[in-house]
Every structure is written in C-alpha cells, then in structure tokens.
Amino acid sequence: MQKLYRKQGPDIYIHFKPLVLLLTAVALILLVLIYANGVITNQKQERLTMENLTQRQAVGLVLLDEEAELPGTKEARAVVDEYERKQEIKQQKWLAAQKKRVAAAKAAAKKKAEKKAREEERKKILQIARANTRRTYSGTYSGAVLSRGAGTVMGPSGKETYYNLDMSTCVRIMRGMGFSASQYPYKVRSDGVKTLGGYVMCAANLSLRPKGSYIMTSLGVGIVVDTGGFASRNPTQLDICVNW
C-alpha cells in the first residue's frame, strides 16, 4: 500500500498543475481589470465633478490641491502676487508720467507754434501798415512821439492829435467786423494809449483809411476804429485814442 501511495502522489500533482496555473492567471487578470476599472471610474468622477463646479470653485480646488501637495505654496503665491501688484503700480505710474510728459510737450509745442504764428502775423501787419502809410502819405517823419504835453506832432503817417472818449461803441463795431475779443482784446497801455489787440486805436479819414486798416503812428502800429470832423479838413490826420 505504501508503495502504491508514493507512486500515485506525483501523478496527481502533475494532473492538477495546469488547472492551478489557469486559476492563478484568471485571478491576476481579474485583479488587473478591477484596478483599471477603479482608475477609470475615479477619473470619470473627477471630470464630472470639475465640469459641475463653477470657475471660482474649480480655482479653489486647484489652490487647495497645490497647498496640500506643496508646503509653503500659499506663502510663495502671496509673495508673487505682491510683486505683481507692485509691478502693476509701478507700470501705471510710469504710464501716467509718460502721458503727462507727452501732454506737456504737446502743450509747449502748441504754445510755441501759436507764439510763432502771432509773431508772423504781427510782421505781416507791420508790413501792411507801412505799405498803407507809404500809399497815403508822402511826408517825412522826424521821429517825434505824441504825448499829452506835446499835444500834436507830425507822425509817420501825417499829423497826429489825441482824444479821450468812451470806446465801447467802437469796440463793439470792431467785434462785429470780426476782430474777436480773444485775438483783439481791448486794453489801455501803461502810457495811457488805448489798444485793440495790441495796436494803437485811432480815428482817420475812412475813405482813405477804412476801419480795420493798419497804419503807422508815432506810438506804434495803429488800427483805424473811428473817424471825426477833422478827416474832411486833413485827410491824412490821425486822432489817437488815449486816456489823458
């Protein structure tokens, strides 16, 4: 009996060995399938969860995940945010300074251009005044200047006298002719001479020297704004407007 048992034992093991290997392989395959299914299921769950979250909630989860995975992330992010904030402030200040600088440069250029235009306009008017003087008067000028004490002089465009009256009506008429208050303000000079746009206001013979025309006077370039009874007696005479 003992000999028979020893002889059949190895035969039985050999007989069941393929079955054992098959069962082991099946078990391993099942474990792999279960693991893979769990991973896939978890990924689907995470995707569905993220899709259902709002953007703010998703960002919050990402931040929590970063904090959980990387120690000190919150502090590092705070440092970065502060740096970016300071950089933004610095950039805004720089842009504001640049805009201010550009605006100042434009204003200066505009002011310079306006000054140049005024100077060119005055040169042009001076030429016109001299031409009007040559056209309407052939006498010589000694350089005498009209004053309160002198009373009358022979100026570059003829005899000069002075008068002191309210010029508001004359100024209003000149405004209607296009001599605006901005370009031709009414002022009284320090020497008492009344001016319109910086030009000496005077009365003249309007047939010879119409209103708005420029003419040379002993007190500077004049502008005709008025007339008087003297004009018929002496066509080249000028009556200068003053506050004497």
C-alpha atoms as a PDB file:
ATOM      1  CA  MET A   1       0.000   0.000   0.000  1.00  0.00           C
ATOM      2  CA  GLN A   2       2.795   2.413   0.856  1.00  0.00           C
ATOM      3  CA  LYS A   3       4.498   1.811  -2.479  1.00  0.00           C
ATOM      4  CA  LEU A   4       1.228   2.476  -4.334  1.00  0.00           C
ATOM      5  CA  TYR A   5       0.643   5.770  -2.493  1.00  0.00           C
ATOM      6  CA  ARG A   6       4.105   7.115  -3.222  1.00  0.00           C
ATOM      7  CA  LYS A   7       3.754   6.202  -6.809  1.00  0.00           C
ATOM      8  CA  GLN A   8       0.345   7.978  -7.314  1.00  0.00           C
ATOM      9  CA  GLY A   9       1.235  11.239  -5.402  1.00  0.00           C
ATOM     10  CA  PRO A  10       3.403  12.884  -8.061  1.00  0.00           C
ATOM     11  CA  ASP A  11       0.967  11.792 -10.733  1.00  0.00           C
ATOM     12  CA  ILE A  12      -1.914  13.624  -9.003  1.00  0.00           C
ATOM     13  CA  TYR A  13       0.196  16.853  -8.691  1.00  0.00           C
ATOM     14  CA  ILE A  14       1.104  16.689 -12.323  1.00  0.00           C
ATOM     15  CA  HIS A  15      -2.518  16.134 -13.188  1.00  0.00           C
ATOM     16  CA  PHE A  16      -3.775  19.315 -11.347  1.00  0.00           C
ATOM     17  CA  LYS A  17      -0.800  21.653 -12.150  1.00  0.00           C
ATOM     18  CA  PRO A  18      -2.322  23.147 -15.351  1.00  0.00           C
ATOM     19  CA  LEU A  19      -5.563  23.838 -13.526  1.00  0.00           C
ATOM     20  CA  VAL A  20      -3.734  25.686 -10.733  1.00  0.00           C
ATOM     21  CA  LEU A  21      -1.829  27.819 -13.204  1.00  0.00           C
ATOM     22  CA  LEU A  22      -5.029  28.631 -15.070  1.00  0.00           C
ATOM     23  CA  LEU A  23      -6.817  29.687 -11.874  1.00  0.00           C
ATOM     24  CA  THR A  24      -3.844  31.863 -10.864  1.00  0.00           C
ATOM     25  CA  ALA A  25      -3.799  33.567 -14.261  1.00  0.00           C
ATOM     26  CA  VAL A  26      -7.536  34.205 -14.114  1.00  0.00           C
ATOM     27  CA  ALA A  27      -7.176  35.730 -10.654  1.00  0.00           C
ATOM     28  CA  LEU A  28      -4.406  38.048 -11.793  1.00  0.00           C
ATOM     29  CA  ILE A  29      -6.425  39.153 -14.811  1.00  0.00           C
ATOM     30  CA  LEU A  30      -9.420  39.879 -12.598  1.00  0.00           C
ATOM     31  CA  LEU A  31      -7.274  41.960 -10.237  1.00  0.00           C
ATOM     32  CA  VAL A  32      -5.873  43.980 -13.145  1.00  0.00           C
ATOM     33  CA  LEU A  33      -9.366  44.574 -14.553  1.00  0.00           C
ATOM     34  CA  ILE A  34     -10.691  45.650 -11.148  1.00  0.00           C
ATOM     35  CA  TYR A  35      -7.779  48.089 -10.663  1.00  0.00           C
ATOM     36  CA  ALA A  36      -8.128  49.540 -14.164  1.00  0.00           C
ATOM     37  CA  ASN A  37     -11.867  49.915 -13.731  1.00  0.00           C
ATOM     38  CA  GLY A  38     -11.305  51.733 -10.434  1.00  0.00           C
ATOM     39  CA  VAL A  39      -8.848  54.156 -12.024  1.00  0.00           C
ATOM     40  CA  ILE A  40     -11.165  54.862 -14.956  1.00  0.00           C
ATOM     41  CA  THR A  41     -14.131  55.331 -12.640  1.00  0.00           C
ATOM     42  CA  ASN A  42     -12.168  57.734 -10.439  1.00  0.00           C
ATOM     43  CA  GLN A  43     -11.083  59.789 -13.455  1.00  0.00           C
ATOM     44  CA  LYS A  44     -14.660  59.982 -14.727  1.00  0.00           C
ATOM     45  CA  GLN A  45     -15.827  61.083 -11.299  1.00  0.00           C
ATOM     46  CA  GLU A  46     -13.176  63.777 -11.104  1.00  0.00           C
ATOM     47  CA  ARG A  47     -14.048  65.016 -14.590  1.00  0.00           C
ATOM     48  CA  LEU A  48     -17.758  65.122 -13.831  1.00  0.00           C
ATOM     49  CA  THR A  49     -17.074  66.910 -10.565  1.00  0.00           C
ATOM     50  CA  MET A  50     -14.889  69.558 -12.208  1.00  0.00           C
ATOM     51  CA  GLU A  51     -17.454  70.088 -15.002  1.00  0.00           C
ATOM     52  CA  ASN A  52     -20.189  70.710 -12.452  1.00  0.00           C
ATOM     53  CA  LEU A  53     -18.079  73.181 -10.434  1.00  0.00           C
ATOM     54  CA  THR A  54     -18.084  76.922 -11.099  1.00  0.00           C
ATOM     55  CA  GLN A  55     -14.858  78.525 -12.207  1.00  0.00           C
ATOM     56  CA  ARG A  56     -14.333  80.050  -8.790  1.00  0.00           C
ATOM     57  CA  GLN A  57     -14.876  76.666  -7.082  1.00  0.00           C
ATOM     58  CA  ALA A  58     -12.528  74.940  -9.535  1.00  0.00           C
ATOM     59  CA  VAL A  59      -9.817  77.519  -8.854  1.00  0.00           C
ATOM     60  CA  GLY A  60     -10.386  76.994  -5.151  1.00  0.00           C
ATOM     61  CA  LEU A  61      -9.911  73.251  -5.522  1.00  0.00           C
ATOM     62  CA  VAL A  62      -6.744  73.775  -7.528  1.00  0.00           C
ATOM     63  CA  LEU A  63      -5.393  76.092  -4.849  1.00  0.00           C
ATOM     64  CA  LEU A  64      -6.277  73.597  -2.131  1.00  0.00           C
ATOM     65  CA  ASP A  65      -4.601  70.850  -4.126  1.00  0.00           C
ATOM     66  CA  GLU A  66      -1.490  72.989  -4.544  1.00  0.00           C
ATOM     67  CA  GLU A  67      -1.380  73.736  -0.841  1.00  0.00           C
ATOM     68  CA  ALA A  68      -1.877  70.091   0.016  1.00  0.00           C
ATOM     69  CA  GLU A  69       0.843  68.879  -2.330  1.00  0.00           C
ATOM     70  CA  LEU A  70       3.446  71.646  -1.945  1.00  0.00           C
ATOM     71  CA  PRO A  71       4.271  73.013   1.515  1.00  0.00           C
ATOM     72  CA  GLY A  72       4.697  76.807   1.506  1.00  0.00           C
ATOM     73  CA  THR A  73       2.771  77.292  -1.763  1.00  0.00           C
ATOM     74  CA  LYS A  74       0.384  79.798  -0.190  1.00  0.00           C
ATOM     75  CA  GLU A  75       3.244  81.929   1.105  1.00  0.00           C
ATOM     76  CA  ALA A  76       5.074  81.724  -2.215  1.00  0.00           C
ATOM     77  CA  ARG A  77       1.951  82.721  -4.117  1.00  0.00           C
ATOM     78  CA  ALA A  78       1.425  85.673  -1.758  1.00  0.00           C
ATOM     79  CA  VAL A  79       4.972  86.862  -2.467  1.00  0.00           C
ATOM     80  CA  VAL A  80       4.430  86.539  -6.224  1.00  0.00           C
ATOM     81  CA  ASP A  81       1.056  88.345  -6.049  1.00  0.00           C
ATOM     82  CA  GLU A  82       2.592  91.195  -4.051  1.00  0.00           C
ATOM     83  CA  TYR A  83       5.436  91.503  -6.549  1.00  0.00           C
ATOM     84  CA  GLU A  84       2.999  91.568  -9.461  1.00  0.00           C
ATOM     85  CA  ARG A  85       0.879  94.179  -7.673  1.00  0.00           C
ATOM     86  CA  LYS A  86       3.887  96.424  -7.116  1.00  0.00           C
ATOM     87  CA  GLN A  87       4.968  95.965 -10.734  1.00  0.00           C
ATOM     88  CA  GLU A  88       1.489  96.923 -11.894  1.00  0.00           C
ATOM     89  CA  ILE A  89       1.529 100.053  -9.723  1.00  0.00           C
ATOM     90  CA  LYS A  90       4.991 100.922 -10.998  1.00  0.00           C
ATOM     91  CA  GLN A  91       3.892 100.469 -14.593  1.00  0.00           C
ATOM     92  CA  GLN A  92       0.776 102.587 -14.045  1.00  0.00           C
ATOM     93  CA  LYS A  93       2.884 105.373 -12.520  1.00  0.00           C
ATOM     94  CA  TRP A  94       5.292 105.194 -15.433  1.00  0.00           C
ATOM     95  CA  LEU A  95       2.449 105.356 -17.952  1.00  0.00           C
ATOM     96  CA  ALA A  96       0.903 108.313 -16.101  1.00  0.00           C
ATOM     97  CA  ALA A  97       4.268 110.100 -16.098  1.00  0.00           C
ATOM     98  CA  GLN A  98       4.679 109.399 -19.826  1.00  0.00           C
ATOM     99  CA  LYS A  99       1.203 110.742 -20.586  1.00  0.00           C
ATOM    100  CA  LYS A 100       1.916 113.847 -18.523  1.00  0.00           C
ATOM    101  CA  ARG A 101       5.249 114.336 -20.271  1.00  0.00           C
ATOM    102  CA  VAL A 102       3.670 113.916 -23.710  1.00  0.00           C
ATOM    103  CA  ALA A 103       0.842 116.304 -22.807  1.00  0.00           C
ATOM    104  CA  ALA A 104       3.352 118.888 -21.566  1.00  0.00           C
ATOM    105  CA  ALA A 105       5.405 118.513 -24.739  1.00  0.00           C
ATOM    106  CA  LYS A 106       2.299 118.937 -26.910  1.00  0.00           C
ATOM    107  CA  ALA A 107       1.216 121.998 -24.913  1.00  0.00           C
ATOM    108  CA  ALA A 108       4.688 123.519 -25.202  1.00  0.00           C
ATOM    109  CA  ALA A 109       4.796 122.812 -28.936  1.00  0.00           C
ATOM    110  CA  LYS A 110       1.332 124.318 -29.380  1.00  0.00           C
ATOM    111  CA  LYS A 111       2.279 127.389 -27.362  1.00  0.00           C
ATOM    112  CA  LYS A 112       5.469 127.791 -29.373  1.00  0.00           C
ATOM    113  CA  ALA A 113       3.566 127.415 -32.640  1.00  0.00           C
ATOM    114  CA  GLU A 114       0.957 129.964 -31.538  1.00  0.00           C
ATOM    115  CA  LYS A 115       3.676 132.408 -30.493  1.00  0.00           C
ATOM    116  CA  LYS A 116       5.415 131.964 -33.832  1.00  0.00           C
ATOM    117  CA  ALA A 117       2.112 132.465 -35.656  1.00  0.00           C
ATOM    118  CA  ARG A 118       1.438 135.670 -33.696  1.00  0.00           C
ATOM    119  CA  GLU A 119       4.921 136.969 -34.453  1.00  0.00           C
ATOM    120  CA  GLU A 120       4.492 136.208 -38.143  1.00  0.00           C
ATOM    121  CA  GLU A 121       1.068 137.855 -38.089  1.00  0.00           C
ATOM    122  CA  ARG A 122       2.498 140.989 -36.458  1.00  0.00           C
ATOM    123  CA  LYS A 123       5.300 141.112 -39.008  1.00  0.00           C
ATOM    124  CA  LYS A 124       2.728 140.836 -41.770  1.00  0.00           C
ATOM    125  CA  ILE A 125       0.573 143.570 -40.212  1.00  0.00           C
ATOM    126  CA  LEU A 126       3.642 145.787 -39.792  1.00  0.00           C
ATOM    127  CA  GLN A 127       4.367 145.402 -43.490  1.00  0.00           C
ATOM    128  CA  ILE A 128       0.730 146.229 -44.301  1.00  0.00           C
ATOM    129  CA  ALA A 129       0.813 149.294 -42.025  1.00  0.00           C
ATOM    130  CA  ARG A 130       3.998 150.566 -43.640  1.00  0.00           C
ATOM    131  CA  ALA A 131       2.531 149.966 -47.089  1.00  0.00           C
ATOM    132  CA  ASN A 132      -0.649 151.864 -46.142  1.00  0.00           C
ATOM    133  CA  THR A 133       1.471 154.727 -44.804  1.00  0.00           C
ATOM    134  CA  ARG A 134       3.511 154.937 -47.998  1.00  0.00           C
ATOM    135  CA  ARG A 135       0.331 154.745 -50.060  1.00  0.00           C
ATOM    136  CA  THR A 136      -1.492 157.520 -48.200  1.00  0.00           C
ATOM    137  CA  TYR A 137       1.274 159.856 -47.016  1.00  0.00           C
ATOM    138  CA  SER A 138       4.354 161.223 -48.762  1.00  0.00           C
ATOM    139  CA  GLY A 139       5.801 163.392 -45.992  1.00  0.00           C
ATOM    140  CA  THR A 140       8.898 162.745 -43.916  1.00  0.00           C
ATOM    141  CA  TYR A 141       8.982 161.679 -40.274  1.00  0.00           C
ATOM    142  CA  SER A 142      11.452 163.168 -37.816  1.00  0.00           C
ATOM    143  CA  GLY A 143      10.795 160.637 -35.039  1.00  0.00           C
ATOM    144  CA  ALA A 144       8.642 162.827 -32.772  1.00  0.00           C
ATOM    145  CA  VAL A 145       6.293 160.919 -30.437  1.00  0.00           C
ATOM    146  CA  LEU A 146       2.811 162.093 -29.479  1.00  0.00           C
ATOM    147  CA  SER A 147       2.332 162.896 -25.795  1.00  0.00           C
ATOM    148  CA  ARG A 148      -0.032 164.815 -23.573  1.00  0.00           C
ATOM    149  CA  GLY A 149       2.489 167.583 -23.257  1.00  0.00           C
ATOM    150  CA  ALA A 150       3.203 167.807 -26.964  1.00  0.00           C
ATOM    151  CA  GLY A 151      -0.479 167.856 -27.909  1.00  0.00           C
ATOM    152  CA  THR A 152       0.211 167.311 -31.580  1.00  0.00           C
ATOM    153  CA  VAL A 153       3.111 166.047 -33.705  1.00  0.00           C
ATOM    154  CA  MET A 154       3.828 165.186 -37.287  1.00  0.00           C
ATOM    155  CA  GLY A 155       3.886 161.412 -37.231  1.00  0.00           C
ATOM    156  CA  PRO A 156       4.968 158.867 -39.838  1.00  0.00           C
ATOM    157  CA  SER A 157       1.527 158.952 -41.495  1.00  0.00           C
ATOM    158  CA  GLY A 158       0.731 162.666 -41.088  1.00  0.00           C
ATOM    159  CA  LYS A 159      -0.448 164.983 -38.351  1.00  0.00           C
ATOM    160  CA  GLU A 160      -1.348 163.312 -35.032  1.00  0.00           C
ATOM    161  CA  THR A 161      -3.624 164.557 -32.267  1.00  0.00           C
ATOM    162  CA  TYR A 162      -5.309 162.720 -29.383  1.00  0.00           C
ATOM    163  CA  TYR A 163      -8.738 162.399 -27.771  1.00  0.00           C
ATOM    164  CA  ASN A 164     -10.198 160.644 -24.736  1.00  0.00           C
ATOM    165  CA  LEU A 165     -13.714 159.221 -25.163  1.00  0.00           C
ATOM    166  CA  ASP A 166     -15.586 156.033 -24.246  1.00  0.00           C
ATOM    167  CA  MET A 167     -14.527 153.479 -26.868  1.00  0.00           C
ATOM    168  CA  SER A 168     -17.131 150.776 -26.088  1.00  0.00           C
ATOM    169  CA  THR A 169     -19.204 151.563 -29.199  1.00  0.00           C
ATOM    170  CA  CYS A 170     -16.127 151.455 -31.440  1.00  0.00           C
ATOM    171  CA  VAL A 171     -15.014 148.176 -29.845  1.00  0.00           C
ATOM    172  CA  ARG A 172     -18.477 146.656 -30.403  1.00  0.00           C
ATOM    173  CA  ILE A 173     -18.414 147.665 -34.064  1.00  0.00           C
ATOM    174  CA  MET A 174     -14.959 146.145 -34.481  1.00  0.00           C
ATOM    175  CA  ARG A 175     -16.169 142.885 -32.888  1.00  0.00           C
ATOM    176  CA  GLY A 176     -18.916 142.771 -35.498  1.00  0.00           C
ATOM    177  CA  MET A 177     -16.284 143.165 -38.183  1.00  0.00           C
ATOM    178  CA  GLY A 178     -14.502 140.019 -36.981  1.00  0.00           C
ATOM    179  CA  PHE A 179     -11.958 141.423 -34.536  1.00  0.00           C
ATOM    180  CA  SER A 180     -12.655 138.934 -31.745  1.00  0.00           C
ATOM    181  CA  ALA A 181     -12.072 139.613 -28.059  1.00  0.00           C
ATOM    182  CA  SER A 182      -9.705 136.631 -27.839  1.00  0.00           C
ATOM    183  CA  GLN A 183      -7.401 137.810 -30.632  1.00  0.00           C
ATOM    184  CA  TYR A 184      -8.021 141.544 -30.296  1.00  0.00           C
ATOM    185  CA  PRO A 185      -8.612 142.327 -26.616  1.00  0.00           C
ATOM    186  CA  TYR A 186      -9.264 145.939 -25.627  1.00  0.00           C
ATOM    187  CA  LYS A 187      -6.593 147.246 -23.265  1.00  0.00           C
ATOM    188  CA  VAL A 188      -5.067 150.502 -22.080  1.00  0.00           C
ATOM    189  CA  ARG A 189      -1.281 150.550 -22.149  1.00  0.00           C
ATOM    190  CA  SER A 190       0.819 151.767 -19.251  1.00  0.00           C
ATOM    191  CA  ASP A 191       1.454 155.012 -21.152  1.00  0.00           C
ATOM    192  CA  GLY A 192      -2.316 155.614 -21.438  1.00  0.00           C
ATOM    193  CA  VAL A 193      -2.695 154.605 -25.078  1.00  0.00           C
ATOM    194  CA  LYS A 194      -5.847 152.592 -25.827  1.00  0.00           C
ATOM    195  CA  THR A 195      -5.238 149.468 -27.873  1.00  0.00           C
ATOM    196  CA  LEU A 196      -7.130 146.746 -29.680  1.00  0.00           C
ATOM    197  CA  GLY A 197      -5.147 143.537 -29.962  1.00  0.00           C
ATOM    198  CA  GLY A 198      -2.036 145.495 -29.006  1.00  0.00           C
ATOM    199  CA  TYR A 199      -2.496 148.004 -31.860  1.00  0.00           C
ATOM    200  CA  VAL A 200      -2.954 151.731 -31.230  1.00  0.00           C
ATOM    201  CA  MET A 201      -6.603 152.713 -31.688  1.00  0.00           C
ATOM    202  CA  CYS A 202      -7.061 155.783 -33.838  1.00  0.00           C
ATOM    203  CA  ALA A 203      -9.592 157.750 -35.839  1.00  0.00           C
ATOM    204  CA  ALA A 204      -8.938 158.550 -39.503  1.00  0.00           C
ATOM    205  CA  ASN A 205     -10.490 159.503 -42.820  1.00  0.00           C
ATOM    206  CA  LEU A 206     -12.403 156.310 -43.637  1.00  0.00           C
ATOM    207  CA  SER A 207     -12.345 156.969 -47.377  1.00  0.00           C
ATOM    208  CA  LEU A 208      -8.564 156.959 -47.305  1.00  0.00           C
ATOM    209  CA  ARG A 209      -8.024 154.584 -44.392  1.00  0.00           C
ATOM    210  CA  PRO A 210     -11.079 152.341 -43.752  1.00  0.00           C
ATOM    211  CA  LYS A 211     -11.966 150.816 -40.377  1.00  0.00           C
ATOM    212  CA  GLY A 212      -9.809 147.820 -39.615  1.00  0.00           C
ATOM    213  CA  SER A 213      -6.911 149.048 -41.714  1.00  0.00           C
ATOM    214  CA  TYR A 214      -3.451 149.276 -40.195  1.00  0.00           C
ATOM    215  CA  ILE A 215      -1.378 152.434 -40.276  1.00  0.00           C
ATOM    216  CA  MET A 216       1.899 153.588 -38.753  1.00  0.00           C
ATOM    217  CA  THR A 217       1.737 156.065 -35.852  1.00  0.00           C
ATOM    218  CA  SER A 218       4.379 157.660 -33.646  1.00  0.00           C
ATOM    219  CA  LEU A 219       3.202 155.343 -30.828  1.00  0.00           C
ATOM    220  CA  GLY A 220       3.400 152.117 -32.833  1.00  0.00           C
ATOM    221  CA  VAL A 221       1.308 150.260 -35.392  1.00  0.00           C
ATOM    222  CA  GLY A 222      -2.215 151.684 -35.318  1.00  0.00           C
ATOM    223  CA  ILE A 223      -5.617 150.309 -36.245  1.00  0.00           C
ATOM    224  CA  VAL A 224      -8.388 152.539 -37.529  1.00  0.00           C
ATOM    225  CA  VAL A 225     -11.566 152.204 -35.417  1.00  0.00           C
ATOM    226  CA  ASP A 226     -13.193 155.652 -35.662  1.00  0.00           C
ATOM    227  CA  THR A 227     -13.412 158.916 -37.580  1.00  0.00           C
ATOM    228  CA  GLY A 228     -14.092 162.576 -36.858  1.00  0.00           C
ATOM    229  CA  GLY A 229     -14.784 166.002 -38.286  1.00  0.00           C
ATOM    230  CA  PHE A 230     -11.078 166.613 -38.779  1.00  0.00           C
ATOM    231  CA  ALA A 231     -10.989 163.997 -41.555  1.00  0.00           C
ATOM    232  CA  SER A 232     -12.572 166.266 -44.152  1.00  0.00           C
ATOM    233  CA  ARG A 233     -10.164 169.122 -43.373  1.00  0.00           C
ATOM    234  CA  ASN A 234      -6.994 166.979 -43.187  1.00  0.00           C
ATOM    235  CA  PRO A 235      -7.424 163.553 -44.831  1.00  0.00           C
ATOM    236  CA  THR A 236      -4.086 162.210 -43.563  1.00  0.00           C
ATOM    237  CA  GLN A 237      -4.541 163.280 -39.926  1.00  0.00           C
ATOM    238  CA  LEU A 238      -4.836 160.647 -37.214  1.00  0.00           C
ATOM    239  CA  ASP A 239      -6.587 161.175 -33.876  1.00  0.00           C
ATOM    240  CA  ILE A 240      -5.078 158.792 -31.324  1.00  0.00           C
ATOM    241  CA  CYS A 241      -7.262 157.226 -28.594  1.00  0.00           C
ATOM    242  CA  VAL A 242      -5.806 157.773 -25.101  1.00  0.00           C
ATOM    243  CA  ASN A 243      -6.973 158.173 -21.506  1.00  0.00           C
ATOM    244  CA  TRP A 244      -5.180 161.521 -20.926  1.00  0.00           C
END
